[in-house]
């Protein structure tokens, strides 16, 4: 089965593999880490689209943060959308599909999706074209080594020429970066690497590309 295809993700979600590996907890942690960079008021009442929403757990965080907003989740996996409707259908609407089905929305959030896609730049261009006010694209930052499901690493300026006038934020996210004991262990490992004059291991980070229409 082709990596990152619709069938691939349907199989991961239907088998319970994604959930057993903490996928839903990770998704909620990612959204919580991104909230300070959205800059949206708590009373925001427009439409927010979560593109690549998976089984929908991020909607619980978005609903708490923006109780008056209209929420829509889109994902290529019909299995994920069925799960989202079952568990989060009271919080948001959900539709199965890809970027071609997007219509204009006040806000589009695309969190940890584009690193899985061959055509990330063309998809990002469509996301921007369908955004009325604010677009937030978040991906792993300078990831090394790459997760087996990720097709590329991301650096500053990656979407230049595709999404205009991006403001970039680099930040850690729980369940992706190192916290607490894991952060301490990374520090100890790097002390040993300095003594052996080996390259240091870096804390995993995320980068958000934000674009706004005025």
C-alpha atoms as a PDB file:
ATOM      1  CA  UNK A   1       0.000   0.000   0.000  1.00  0.00           C
ATOM      2  CA  UNK A   2       1.369   3.398  -0.998  1.00  0.00           C
ATOM      3  CA  UNK A   3       2.693   5.461   1.899  1.00  0.00           C
ATOM      4  CA  UNK A   4       0.389   8.332   2.930  1.00  0.00           C
ATOM      5  CA  UNK A   5      -2.306   7.323   0.432  1.00  0.00           C
ATOM      6  CA  UNK A   6      -5.996   7.363   1.349  1.00  0.00           C
ATOM      7  CA  UNK A   7      -5.892   3.585   1.772  1.00  0.00           C
ATOM      8  CA  UNK A   8      -2.836   3.858   3.993  1.00  0.00           C
ATOM      9  CA  UNK A   9      -4.540   6.271   6.389  1.00  0.00           C
ATOM     10  CA  UNK A  10      -7.849   4.407   6.319  1.00  0.00           C
ATOM     11  CA  UNK A  11      -5.945   1.281   7.389  1.00  0.00           C
ATOM     12  CA  UNK A  12      -4.060   3.089  10.160  1.00  0.00           C
ATOM     13  CA  UNK A  13      -7.213   4.599  11.599  1.00  0.00           C
ATOM     14  CA  UNK A  14      -9.426   1.515  11.234  1.00  0.00           C
ATOM     15  CA  UNK A  15      -6.820  -0.794  12.803  1.00  0.00           C
ATOM     16  CA  UNK A  16      -6.486   1.439  15.857  1.00  0.00           C
ATOM     17  CA  UNK A  17      -2.746   1.782  15.239  1.00  0.00           C
ATOM     18  CA  UNK A  18      -2.812   5.587  15.104  1.00  0.00           C
ATOM     19  CA  UNK A  19      -4.858   5.832  18.292  1.00  0.00           C
ATOM     20  CA  UNK A  20      -2.734   3.262  20.167  1.00  0.00           C
ATOM     21  CA  UNK A  21       0.376   5.320  19.436  1.00  0.00           C
ATOM     22  CA  UNK A  22      -1.137   8.380  21.108  1.00  0.00           C
ATOM     23  CA  UNK A  23      -2.263  10.138  17.931  1.00  0.00           C
ATOM     24  CA  UNK A  24      -5.315  11.794  19.476  1.00  0.00           C
ATOM     25  CA  UNK A  25      -3.415  13.025  22.528  1.00  0.00           C
ATOM     26  CA  UNK A  26      -0.672  14.358  20.267  1.00  0.00           C
ATOM     27  CA  UNK A  27      -3.193  16.187  18.075  1.00  0.00           C
ATOM     28  CA  UNK A  28      -4.746  17.936  21.069  1.00  0.00           C
ATOM     29  CA  UNK A  29      -1.301  18.896  22.357  1.00  0.00           C
ATOM     30  CA  UNK A  30      -0.378  20.330  18.952  1.00  0.00           C
ATOM     31  CA  UNK A  31      -3.494  22.532  18.851  1.00  0.00           C
ATOM     32  CA  UNK A  32      -2.909  23.721  22.422  1.00  0.00           C
ATOM     33  CA  UNK A  33       0.668  24.696  21.526  1.00  0.00           C
ATOM     34  CA  UNK A  34      -0.506  26.584  18.440  1.00  0.00           C
ATOM     35  CA  UNK A  35      -3.339  28.549  20.071  1.00  0.00           C
ATOM     36  CA  UNK A  36      -1.151  31.449  21.311  1.00  0.00           C
ATOM     37  CA  UNK A  37       0.041  32.072  17.735  1.00  0.00           C
ATOM     38  CA  UNK A  38      -3.420  32.243  16.169  1.00  0.00           C
ATOM     39  CA  UNK A  39      -4.085  35.617  17.730  1.00  0.00           C
ATOM     40  CA  UNK A  40      -7.843  35.120  17.426  1.00  0.00           C
ATOM     41  CA  UNK A  41     -10.160  36.552  20.091  1.00  0.00           C
ATOM     42  CA  UNK A  42     -12.108  34.099  22.232  1.00  0.00           C
ATOM     43  CA  UNK A  43     -15.295  35.580  20.826  1.00  0.00           C
ATOM     44  CA  UNK A  44     -14.315  34.842  17.200  1.00  0.00           C
ATOM     45  CA  UNK A  45     -17.540  33.881  15.421  1.00  0.00           C
ATOM     46  CA  UNK A  46     -16.366  33.073  11.893  1.00  0.00           C
ATOM     47  CA  UNK A  47     -15.713  29.711  10.262  1.00  0.00           C
ATOM     48  CA  UNK A  48     -12.584  27.745  11.151  1.00  0.00           C
ATOM     49  CA  UNK A  49     -11.620  24.842   8.896  1.00  0.00           C
ATOM     50  CA  UNK A  50      -9.229  22.190  10.210  1.00  0.00           C
ATOM     51  CA  UNK A  51      -7.736  20.703   7.040  1.00  0.00           C
ATOM     52  CA  UNK A  52      -6.349  17.245   7.749  1.00  0.00           C
ATOM     53  CA  UNK A  53      -8.329  16.916  10.966  1.00  0.00           C
ATOM     54  CA  UNK A  54      -7.866  13.137  11.310  1.00  0.00           C
ATOM     55  CA  UNK A  55     -10.362  11.611  13.779  1.00  0.00           C
ATOM     56  CA  UNK A  56     -11.257  15.079  15.030  1.00  0.00           C
ATOM     57  CA  UNK A  57      -9.765  15.314  18.525  1.00  0.00           C
ATOM     58  CA  UNK A  58      -8.356  18.791  17.825  1.00  0.00           C
ATOM     59  CA  UNK A  59     -11.913  20.094  17.608  1.00  0.00           C
ATOM     60  CA  UNK A  60     -12.343  19.667  21.361  1.00  0.00           C
ATOM     61  CA  UNK A  61      -9.562  22.203  21.900  1.00  0.00           C
ATOM     62  CA  UNK A  62     -10.835  24.575  19.219  1.00  0.00           C
ATOM     63  CA  UNK A  63     -14.386  24.475  20.573  1.00  0.00           C
ATOM     64  CA  UNK A  64     -13.193  25.372  24.074  1.00  0.00           C
ATOM     65  CA  UNK A  65     -11.074  28.227  22.717  1.00  0.00           C
ATOM     66  CA  UNK A  66     -13.670  29.593  20.256  1.00  0.00           C
ATOM     67  CA  UNK A  67     -17.160  28.663  21.499  1.00  0.00           C
ATOM     68  CA  UNK A  68     -18.919  30.930  18.977  1.00  0.00           C
ATOM     69  CA  UNK A  69     -17.025  29.778  15.889  1.00  0.00           C
ATOM     70  CA  UNK A  70     -18.365  27.466  13.184  1.00  0.00           C
ATOM     71  CA  UNK A  71     -16.003  24.481  12.971  1.00  0.00           C
ATOM     72  CA  UNK A  72     -15.462  22.227   9.961  1.00  0.00           C
ATOM     73  CA  UNK A  73     -13.016  19.328   9.769  1.00  0.00           C
ATOM     74  CA  UNK A  74     -11.808  17.867   6.464  1.00  0.00           C
ATOM     75  CA  UNK A  75      -9.706  14.735   6.019  1.00  0.00           C
ATOM     76  CA  UNK A  76      -8.888  12.396   3.151  1.00  0.00           C
ATOM     77  CA  UNK A  77      -9.645   9.351   5.301  1.00  0.00           C
ATOM     78  CA  UNK A  78     -13.309   8.391   5.382  1.00  0.00           C
ATOM     79  CA  UNK A  79     -12.551   6.152   8.365  1.00  0.00           C
ATOM     80  CA  UNK A  80     -11.175   9.137  10.297  1.00  0.00           C
ATOM     81  CA  UNK A  81     -14.219  11.234   9.398  1.00  0.00           C
ATOM     82  CA  UNK A  82     -16.597   8.501  10.570  1.00  0.00           C
ATOM     83  CA  UNK A  83     -14.775   8.469  13.925  1.00  0.00           C
ATOM     84  CA  UNK A  84     -14.861  12.283  14.097  1.00  0.00           C
ATOM     85  CA  UNK A  85     -18.606  12.395  13.468  1.00  0.00           C
ATOM     86  CA  UNK A  86     -19.220   9.730  16.099  1.00  0.00           C
ATOM     87  CA  UNK A  87     -17.142  11.296  18.879  1.00  0.00           C
ATOM     88  CA  UNK A  88     -17.032  15.009  18.004  1.00  0.00           C
ATOM     89  CA  UNK A  89     -20.103  15.532  15.831  1.00  0.00           C
ATOM     90  CA  UNK A  90     -21.678  17.698  18.516  1.00  0.00           C
ATOM     91  CA  UNK A  91     -18.723  20.110  18.301  1.00  0.00           C
ATOM     92  CA  UNK A  92     -18.171  20.447  14.557  1.00  0.00           C
ATOM     93  CA  UNK A  93     -19.122  19.327  11.080  1.00  0.00           C
ATOM     94  CA  UNK A  94     -16.872  16.860   9.246  1.00  0.00           C
ATOM     95  CA  UNK A  95     -16.405  16.065   5.558  1.00  0.00           C
ATOM     96  CA  UNK A  96     -14.220  13.505   3.772  1.00  0.00           C
ATOM     97  CA  UNK A  97     -12.114  14.906   0.931  1.00  0.00           C
ATOM     98  CA  UNK A  98      -8.920  16.656  -0.085  1.00  0.00           C
ATOM     99  CA  UNK A  99      -7.910  20.268  -0.774  1.00  0.00           C
ATOM    100  CA  UNK A 100      -9.935  20.415  -4.004  1.00  0.00           C
ATOM    101  CA  UNK A 101     -13.203  20.469  -2.041  1.00  0.00           C
ATOM    102  CA  UNK A 102     -12.278  23.507   0.044  1.00  0.00           C
ATOM    103  CA  UNK A 103     -14.520  26.545  -0.195  1.00  0.00           C
ATOM    104  CA  UNK A 104     -13.741  29.992   1.183  1.00  0.00           C
ATOM    105  CA  UNK A 105     -13.336  30.069   4.974  1.00  0.00           C
ATOM    106  CA  UNK A 106     -12.446  32.816   7.433  1.00  0.00           C
ATOM    107  CA  UNK A 107      -9.655  30.693   8.955  1.00  0.00           C
ATOM    108  CA  UNK A 108      -7.918  27.568   7.681  1.00  0.00           C
ATOM    109  CA  UNK A 109      -5.695  25.540   9.984  1.00  0.00           C
ATOM    110  CA  UNK A 110      -3.385  22.918   8.495  1.00  0.00           C
ATOM    111  CA  UNK A 111      -1.478  21.218  11.303  1.00  0.00           C
ATOM    112  CA  UNK A 112       1.137  18.531  10.663  1.00  0.00           C
ATOM    113  CA  UNK A 113      -0.297  17.506   7.309  1.00  0.00           C
ATOM    114  CA  UNK A 114       1.804  18.881   4.453  1.00  0.00           C
ATOM    115  CA  UNK A 115       4.929  16.939   5.419  1.00  0.00           C
ATOM    116  CA  UNK A 116       3.003  13.812   4.350  1.00  0.00           C
ATOM    117  CA  UNK A 117       2.111  15.108   0.865  1.00  0.00           C
ATOM    118  CA  UNK A 118       4.077  14.963  -2.392  1.00  0.00           C
ATOM    119  CA  UNK A 119       2.576  18.234  -3.630  1.00  0.00           C
ATOM    120  CA  UNK A 120       2.824  20.323  -0.462  1.00  0.00           C
ATOM    121  CA  UNK A 121       3.413  23.604  -2.315  1.00  0.00           C
ATOM    122  CA  UNK A 122       0.430  23.253  -4.631  1.00  0.00           C
ATOM    123  CA  UNK A 123      -1.804  22.276  -1.707  1.00  0.00           C
ATOM    124  CA  UNK A 124      -0.536  25.271   0.290  1.00  0.00           C
ATOM    125  CA  UNK A 125      -1.371  27.532  -2.644  1.00  0.00           C
ATOM    126  CA  UNK A 126      -4.973  26.255  -2.690  1.00  0.00           C
ATOM    127  CA  UNK A 127      -5.237  26.685   1.089  1.00  0.00           C
ATOM    128  CA  UNK A 128      -4.243  30.316   0.724  1.00  0.00           C
ATOM    129  CA  UNK A 129      -6.604  30.911  -2.203  1.00  0.00           C
ATOM    130  CA  UNK A 130      -9.489  29.545  -0.093  1.00  0.00           C
ATOM    131  CA  UNK A 131      -8.622  31.616   2.996  1.00  0.00           C
ATOM    132  CA  UNK A 132     -10.644  34.752   3.635  1.00  0.00           C
ATOM    133  CA  UNK A 133      -8.670  36.070   6.613  1.00  0.00           C
ATOM    134  CA  UNK A 134      -6.068  33.829   8.259  1.00  0.00           C
ATOM    135  CA  UNK A 135      -4.096  30.742   7.217  1.00  0.00           C
ATOM    136  CA  UNK A 136      -2.013  28.741   9.696  1.00  0.00           C
ATOM    137  CA  UNK A 137       0.279  26.007   8.348  1.00  0.00           C
ATOM    138  CA  UNK A 138       2.284  24.099  10.962  1.00  0.00           C
ATOM    139  CA  UNK A 139       4.906  21.459  10.143  1.00  0.00           C
ATOM    140  CA  UNK A 140       7.979  19.915  11.835  1.00  0.00           C
ATOM    141  CA  UNK A 141      10.984  22.256  11.833  1.00  0.00           C
ATOM    142  CA  UNK A 142      14.392  21.068  10.604  1.00  0.00           C
ATOM    143  CA  UNK A 143      13.433  17.480  11.373  1.00  0.00           C
ATOM    144  CA  UNK A 144      16.394  15.097  11.387  1.00  0.00           C
ATOM    145  CA  UNK A 145      16.160  12.193  11.004  1.00  0.00           C
ATOM    146  CA  UNK A 146      12.817  12.260   9.247  1.00  0.00           C
ATOM    147  CA  UNK A 147       9.863  10.324  10.548  1.00  0.00           C
ATOM    148  CA  UNK A 148       9.282   7.448   8.062  1.00  0.00           C
ATOM    149  CA  UNK A 149       5.938   9.007   7.052  1.00  0.00           C
ATOM    150  CA  UNK A 150       7.428  12.470   6.412  1.00  0.00           C
ATOM    151  CA  UNK A 151       8.661  13.356   2.935  1.00  0.00           C
ATOM    152  CA  UNK A 152      10.806  16.418   3.655  1.00  0.00           C
ATOM    153  CA  UNK A 153      12.178  18.740   6.290  1.00  0.00           C
ATOM    154  CA  UNK A 154      11.011  22.349   6.643  1.00  0.00           C
ATOM    155  CA  UNK A 155      12.980  25.535   7.122  1.00  0.00           C
ATOM    156  CA  UNK A 156      12.212  29.228   7.190  1.00  0.00           C
ATOM    157  CA  UNK A 157      10.962  30.537   3.862  1.00  0.00           C
ATOM    158  CA  UNK A 158       9.707  27.183   2.590  1.00  0.00           C
ATOM    159  CA  UNK A 159       6.417  28.639   1.316  1.00  0.00           C
ATOM    160  CA  UNK A 160       7.857  31.873  -0.125  1.00  0.00           C
ATOM    161  CA  UNK A 161       6.263  32.586  -3.497  1.00  0.00           C
ATOM    162  CA  UNK A 162       3.297  30.354  -2.683  1.00  0.00           C
ATOM    163  CA  UNK A 163       1.815  31.906   0.448  1.00  0.00           C
ATOM    164  CA  UNK A 164       2.603  35.653   0.523  1.00  0.00           C
ATOM    165  CA  UNK A 165       4.004  37.590   3.468  1.00  0.00           C
ATOM    166  CA  UNK A 166       4.197  34.695   5.911  1.00  0.00           C
ATOM    167  CA  UNK A 167       4.967  35.390   9.539  1.00  0.00           C
ATOM    168  CA  UNK A 168       6.883  32.453  11.011  1.00  0.00           C
ATOM    169  CA  UNK A 169       6.914  31.102  14.563  1.00  0.00           C
ATOM    170  CA  UNK A 170       9.228  28.299  15.728  1.00  0.00           C
ATOM    171  CA  UNK A 171       8.142  26.620  18.969  1.00  0.00           C
ATOM    172  CA  UNK A 172       8.128  23.299  20.857  1.00  0.00           C
ATOM    173  CA  UNK A 173       5.014  21.126  21.164  1.00  0.00           C
ATOM    174  CA  UNK A 174       4.360  18.491  23.781  1.00  0.00           C
ATOM    175  CA  UNK A 175       4.338  14.928  22.413  1.00  0.00           C
ATOM    176  CA  UNK A 176       6.607  16.095  19.609  1.00  0.00           C
ATOM    177  CA  UNK A 177       9.372  17.858  21.499  1.00  0.00           C
ATOM    178  CA  UNK A 178      11.161  16.910  24.717  1.00  0.00           C
ATOM    179  CA  UNK A 179       9.756  17.928  28.071  1.00  0.00           C
ATOM    180  CA  UNK A 180      10.524  17.152  31.678  1.00  0.00           C
ATOM    181  CA  UNK A 181      12.587  13.971  32.092  1.00  0.00           C
ATOM    182  CA  UNK A 182      13.059  13.556  28.339  1.00  0.00           C
ATOM    183  CA  UNK A 183      14.491  17.081  28.114  1.00  0.00           C
ATOM    184  CA  UNK A 184      16.879  16.318  30.992  1.00  0.00           C
ATOM    185  CA  UNK A 185      18.031  13.110  29.286  1.00  0.00           C
ATOM    186  CA  UNK A 186      18.660  15.041  26.065  1.00  0.00           C
ATOM    187  CA  UNK A 187      20.786  17.510  28.030  1.00  0.00           C
ATOM    188  CA  UNK A 188      22.855  14.677  29.545  1.00  0.00           C
ATOM    189  CA  UNK A 189      23.363  13.053  26.150  1.00  0.00           C
ATOM    190  CA  UNK A 190      24.579  16.324  24.704  1.00  0.00           C
ATOM    191  CA  UNK A 191      27.104  16.737  27.520  1.00  0.00           C
ATOM    192  CA  UNK A 192      28.608  13.402  26.503  1.00  0.00           C
ATOM    193  CA  UNK A 193      28.521  14.356  22.845  1.00  0.00           C
ATOM    194  CA  UNK A 194      30.405  17.584  23.573  1.00  0.00           C
ATOM    195  CA  UNK A 195      33.127  15.620  25.339  1.00  0.00           C
ATOM    196  CA  UNK A 196      33.410  13.277  22.361  1.00  0.00           C
ATOM    197  CA  UNK A 197      33.167  16.204  19.933  1.00  0.00           C
ATOM    198  CA  UNK A 198      30.145  14.719  18.231  1.00  0.00           C
ATOM    199  CA  UNK A 199      27.209  16.716  16.771  1.00  0.00           C
ATOM    200  CA  UNK A 200      24.639  17.702  19.377  1.00  0.00           C
ATOM    201  CA  UNK A 201      21.101  16.390  19.256  1.00  0.00           C
ATOM    202  CA  UNK A 202      18.595  19.211  18.929  1.00  0.00           C
ATOM    203  CA  UNK A 203      15.228  19.533  20.619  1.00  0.00           C
ATOM    204  CA  UNK A 204      12.418  18.832  18.178  1.00  0.00           C
ATOM    205  CA  UNK A 205      10.536  21.944  17.144  1.00  0.00           C
ATOM    206  CA  UNK A 206       7.592  22.963  14.983  1.00  0.00           C
ATOM    207  CA  UNK A 207       7.264  25.929  12.637  1.00  0.00           C
ATOM    208  CA  UNK A 208       4.049  27.793  11.919  1.00  0.00           C
ATOM    209  CA  UNK A 209       3.631  29.793   8.719  1.00  0.00           C
ATOM    210  CA  UNK A 210       0.914  32.394   9.248  1.00  0.00           C
ATOM    211  CA  UNK A 211      -0.575  34.488   6.440  1.00  0.00           C
ATOM    212  CA  UNK A 212      -3.245  37.173   6.887  1.00  0.00           C
ATOM    213  CA  UNK A 213      -5.462  39.134   4.533  1.00  0.00           C
ATOM    214  CA  UNK A 214      -6.104  42.683   5.675  1.00  0.00           C
END
